[in-house]
C-alpha atoms as a PDB file:
ATOM      1  CA  MET A   1      -5.265  -6.141   5.830  1.00  0.00           C
ATOM      2  CA  ALA A   2      -1.560  -5.723   6.384  1.00  0.00           C
ATOM      3  CA  ALA A   3      -0.264  -4.592   9.748  1.00  0.00           C
ATOM      4  CA  ALA A   4       1.619  -1.318  10.006  1.00  0.00           C
ATOM      5  CA  ALA A   5       4.523  -1.025  12.438  1.00  0.00           C
ATOM      6  CA  GLU A   6       4.019   2.720  12.700  1.00  0.00           C
ATOM      7  CA  ILE A   7       1.480   5.126  11.309  1.00  0.00           C
ATOM      8  CA  PRO A   8       3.172   7.532   8.918  1.00  0.00           C
ATOM      9  CA  PRO A   9       2.323  11.232   8.903  1.00  0.00           C
ATOM     10  CA  PRO A  10      -0.762  12.271   6.873  1.00  0.00           C
ATOM     11  CA  GLU A  11       1.380  13.425   3.936  1.00  0.00           C
ATOM     12  CA  GLU A  12       2.627   9.829   3.541  1.00  0.00           C
ATOM     13  CA  ILE A  13      -0.800   8.180   3.755  1.00  0.00           C
ATOM     14  CA  GLY A  14      -2.655   7.421   0.553  1.00  0.00           C
ATOM     15  CA  VAL A  15      -6.436   7.245   0.531  1.00  0.00           C
ATOM     16  CA  ILE A  16      -8.317   5.361  -2.177  1.00  0.00           C
ATOM     17  CA  ILE A  17     -12.041   5.988  -2.422  1.00  0.00           C
ATOM     18  CA  VAL A  18     -13.660   3.059  -4.237  1.00  0.00           C
ATOM     19  CA  ASP A  19     -17.084   2.930  -5.833  1.00  0.00           C
ATOM     20  CA  HIS A  20     -18.608   0.185  -7.947  1.00  0.00           C
ATOM     21  CA  GLY A  21     -17.923   1.742 -11.329  1.00  0.00           C
ATOM     22  CA  SER A  22     -20.408   2.304 -14.109  1.00  0.00           C
ATOM     23  CA  ARG A  23     -20.741   2.250 -17.854  1.00  0.00           C
ATOM     24  CA  ARG A  24     -22.253   5.740 -17.487  1.00  0.00           C
ATOM     25  CA  GLU A  25     -19.499   8.339 -17.524  1.00  0.00           C
ATOM     26  CA  ALA A  26     -21.601  10.790 -15.492  1.00  0.00           C
ATOM     27  CA  SER A  27     -21.731   8.283 -12.642  1.00  0.00           C
ATOM     28  CA  ASN A  28     -17.977   7.780 -12.737  1.00  0.00           C
ATOM     29  CA  GLN A  29     -17.409  11.556 -12.741  1.00  0.00           C
ATOM     30  CA  MET A  30     -19.200  11.791  -9.392  1.00  0.00           C
ATOM     31  CA  LEU A  31     -16.439   9.754  -7.752  1.00  0.00           C
ATOM     32  CA  LEU A  32     -13.806  12.132  -9.131  1.00  0.00           C
ATOM     33  CA  GLU A  33     -15.674  15.031  -7.543  1.00  0.00           C
ATOM     34  CA  ILE A  34     -15.968  13.197  -4.200  1.00  0.00           C
ATOM     35  CA  ALA A  35     -12.237  12.359  -4.199  1.00  0.00           C
ATOM     36  CA  SER A  36     -11.356  15.965  -5.011  1.00  0.00           C
ATOM     37  CA  LEU A  37     -13.586  17.309  -2.227  1.00  0.00           C
ATOM     38  CA  PHE A  38     -12.142  14.808   0.245  1.00  0.00           C
ATOM     39  CA  GLN A  39      -8.592  15.791  -0.662  1.00  0.00           C
ATOM     40  CA  ARG A  40      -9.306  19.501  -0.279  1.00  0.00           C
ATOM     41  CA  HIS A  41     -10.970  19.170   3.108  1.00  0.00           C
ATOM     42  CA  SER A  42      -9.253  16.203   4.785  1.00  0.00           C
ATOM     43  CA  GLY A  43      -5.607  17.184   5.051  1.00  0.00           C
ATOM     44  CA  TYR A  44      -4.505  14.144   3.022  1.00  0.00           C
ATOM     45  CA  ARG A  45      -2.552  15.078  -0.093  1.00  0.00           C
ATOM     46  CA  ILE A  46      -2.510  11.592  -1.656  1.00  0.00           C
ATOM     47  CA  VAL A  47      -6.100  10.781  -2.584  1.00  0.00           C
ATOM     48  CA  GLU A  48      -7.046   8.599  -5.527  1.00  0.00           C
ATOM     49  CA  PRO A  49     -10.426   7.507  -6.893  1.00  0.00           C
ATOM     50  CA  ALA A  50     -10.941   3.891  -7.971  1.00  0.00           C
ATOM     51  CA  HIS A  51     -13.726   1.846  -9.476  1.00  0.00           C
ATOM     52  CA  MET A  52     -14.177  -1.751  -8.411  1.00  0.00           C
ATOM     53  CA  GLU A  53     -15.100  -2.732 -11.980  1.00  0.00           C
ATOM     54  CA  LEU A  54     -16.409  -1.450 -15.312  1.00  0.00           C
ATOM     55  CA  ALA A  55     -14.260   1.692 -15.433  1.00  0.00           C
ATOM     56  CA  GLU A  56     -10.790   3.060 -14.827  1.00  0.00           C
ATOM     57  CA  PRO A  57      -8.961   3.806 -12.664  1.00  0.00           C
ATOM     58  CA  SER A  58      -9.019   0.386 -11.056  1.00  0.00           C
ATOM     59  CA  ILE A  59      -8.002  -0.351  -7.475  1.00  0.00           C
ATOM     60  CA  GLY A  60      -4.664  -1.605  -8.806  1.00  0.00           C
ATOM     61  CA  THR A  61      -4.066   1.618 -10.733  1.00  0.00           C
ATOM     62  CA  ALA A  62      -5.024   3.764  -7.741  1.00  0.00           C
ATOM     63  CA  PHE A  63      -2.800   1.752  -5.360  1.00  0.00           C
ATOM     64  CA  ARG A  64       0.173   2.135  -7.720  1.00  0.00           C
ATOM     65  CA  ARG A  65      -0.476   5.892  -8.025  1.00  0.00           C
ATOM     66  CA  CYS A  66      -0.549   6.248  -4.235  1.00  0.00           C
ATOM     67  CA  VAL A  67       2.808   4.516  -3.894  1.00  0.00           C
ATOM     68  CA  GLN A  68       4.297   6.561  -6.756  1.00  0.00           C
ATOM     69  CA  ARG A  69       3.133   9.719  -4.972  1.00  0.00           C
ATOM     70  CA  GLY A  70       4.942   8.668  -1.779  1.00  0.00           C
ATOM     71  CA  ALA A  71       2.381   6.721   0.244  1.00  0.00           C
ATOM     72  CA  ARG A  72       3.841   4.476   2.947  1.00  0.00           C
ATOM     73  CA  LEU A  73       0.365   3.355   4.061  1.00  0.00           C
ATOM     74  CA  VAL A  74      -2.760   3.090   1.915  1.00  0.00           C
ATOM     75  CA  ILE A  75      -6.287   3.383   3.281  1.00  0.00           C
ATOM     76  CA  ILE A  76      -9.007   1.965   1.042  1.00  0.00           C
ATOM     77  CA  HIS A  77     -12.495   3.322   1.662  1.00  0.00           C
ATOM     78  CA  PRO A  78     -15.437   1.616  -0.095  1.00  0.00           C
ATOM     79  CA  TYR A  79     -17.901   4.339  -1.102  1.00  0.00           C
ATOM     80  CA  PHE A  80     -21.150   2.369  -1.025  1.00  0.00           C
ATOM     81  CA  LEU A  81     -24.530   3.031   0.566  1.00  0.00           C
ATOM     82  CA  LEU A  82     -24.483  -0.183   2.575  1.00  0.00           C
ATOM     83  CA  PRO A  83     -21.891  -2.857   3.369  1.00  0.00           C
ATOM     84  CA  GLY A  84     -22.252  -5.993   1.334  1.00  0.00           C
ATOM     85  CA  ARG A  85     -20.439  -8.559  -0.775  1.00  0.00           C
ATOM     86  CA  HIS A  86     -18.398  -5.990  -2.675  1.00  0.00           C
ATOM     87  CA  SER A  87     -17.094  -4.207   0.408  1.00  0.00           C
ATOM     88  CA  LYS A  88     -16.625  -7.381   2.454  1.00  0.00           C
ATOM     89  CA  ARG A  89     -15.183  -9.725  -0.189  1.00  0.00           C
ATOM     90  CA  ASP A  90     -14.478  -8.213  -3.594  1.00  0.00           C
ATOM     91  CA  ILE A  91     -12.677  -5.007  -2.627  1.00  0.00           C
ATOM     92  CA  PRO A  92     -10.416  -6.757  -0.077  1.00  0.00           C
ATOM     93  CA  ALA A  93      -9.482  -9.374  -2.691  1.00  0.00           C
ATOM     94  CA  LEU A  94      -8.762  -6.769  -5.375  1.00  0.00           C
ATOM     95  CA  THR A  95      -6.750  -4.689  -2.906  1.00  0.00           C
ATOM     96  CA  ALA A  96      -4.683  -7.658  -1.741  1.00  0.00           C
ATOM     97  CA  ARG A  97      -3.873  -8.448  -5.362  1.00  0.00           C
ATOM     98  CA  ALA A  98      -2.854  -4.819  -6.041  1.00  0.00           C
ATOM     99  CA  ALA A  99      -0.714  -4.695  -2.884  1.00  0.00           C
ATOM    100  CA  GLU A 100       1.318  -7.764  -3.899  1.00  0.00           C
ATOM    101  CA  ALA A 101       3.467  -5.509  -6.081  1.00  0.00           C
ATOM    102  CA  PHE A 102       4.278  -3.333  -3.035  1.00  0.00           C
ATOM    103  CA  PRO A 103       5.039  -5.700  -0.127  1.00  0.00           C
ATOM    104  CA  ASP A 104       6.533  -2.905   2.010  1.00  0.00           C
ATOM    105  CA  VAL A 105       3.377  -0.762   1.825  1.00  0.00           C
ATOM    106  CA  PRO A 106       0.696  -1.844   4.305  1.00  0.00           C
ATOM    107  CA  PHE A 107      -2.970  -1.161   3.691  1.00  0.00           C
ATOM    108  CA  VAL A 108      -6.175  -0.864   5.675  1.00  0.00           C
ATOM    109  CA  ILE A 109      -9.714  -1.257   4.375  1.00  0.00           C
ATOM    110  CA  THR A 110     -12.343   0.813   6.154  1.00  0.00           C
ATOM    111  CA  GLU A 111     -15.944  -0.222   6.809  1.00  0.00           C
END
């Protein structure tokens, strides 16, 4: 997690909702619907879906899209039933790797 000096306004915060990813397209479509619903009802305009593995968009792709859309802070939210290895280890590692290309954009990973 990178530290933010100041919290930007909601229109400059990107939110990435991350699921595991699936080989089944119907499962991956569910995340797109969740991200769309979240964007409509949350007040955040920069919302991107991401799959941890097995499907696109990846966390790296979603992080880049957030920055391209004007995010000055990115919040990564694992969308899993329970916390575990993926949300505690894998997603933070993948996010840190994606963020290397944008050293001036801090990120936070939610529980």
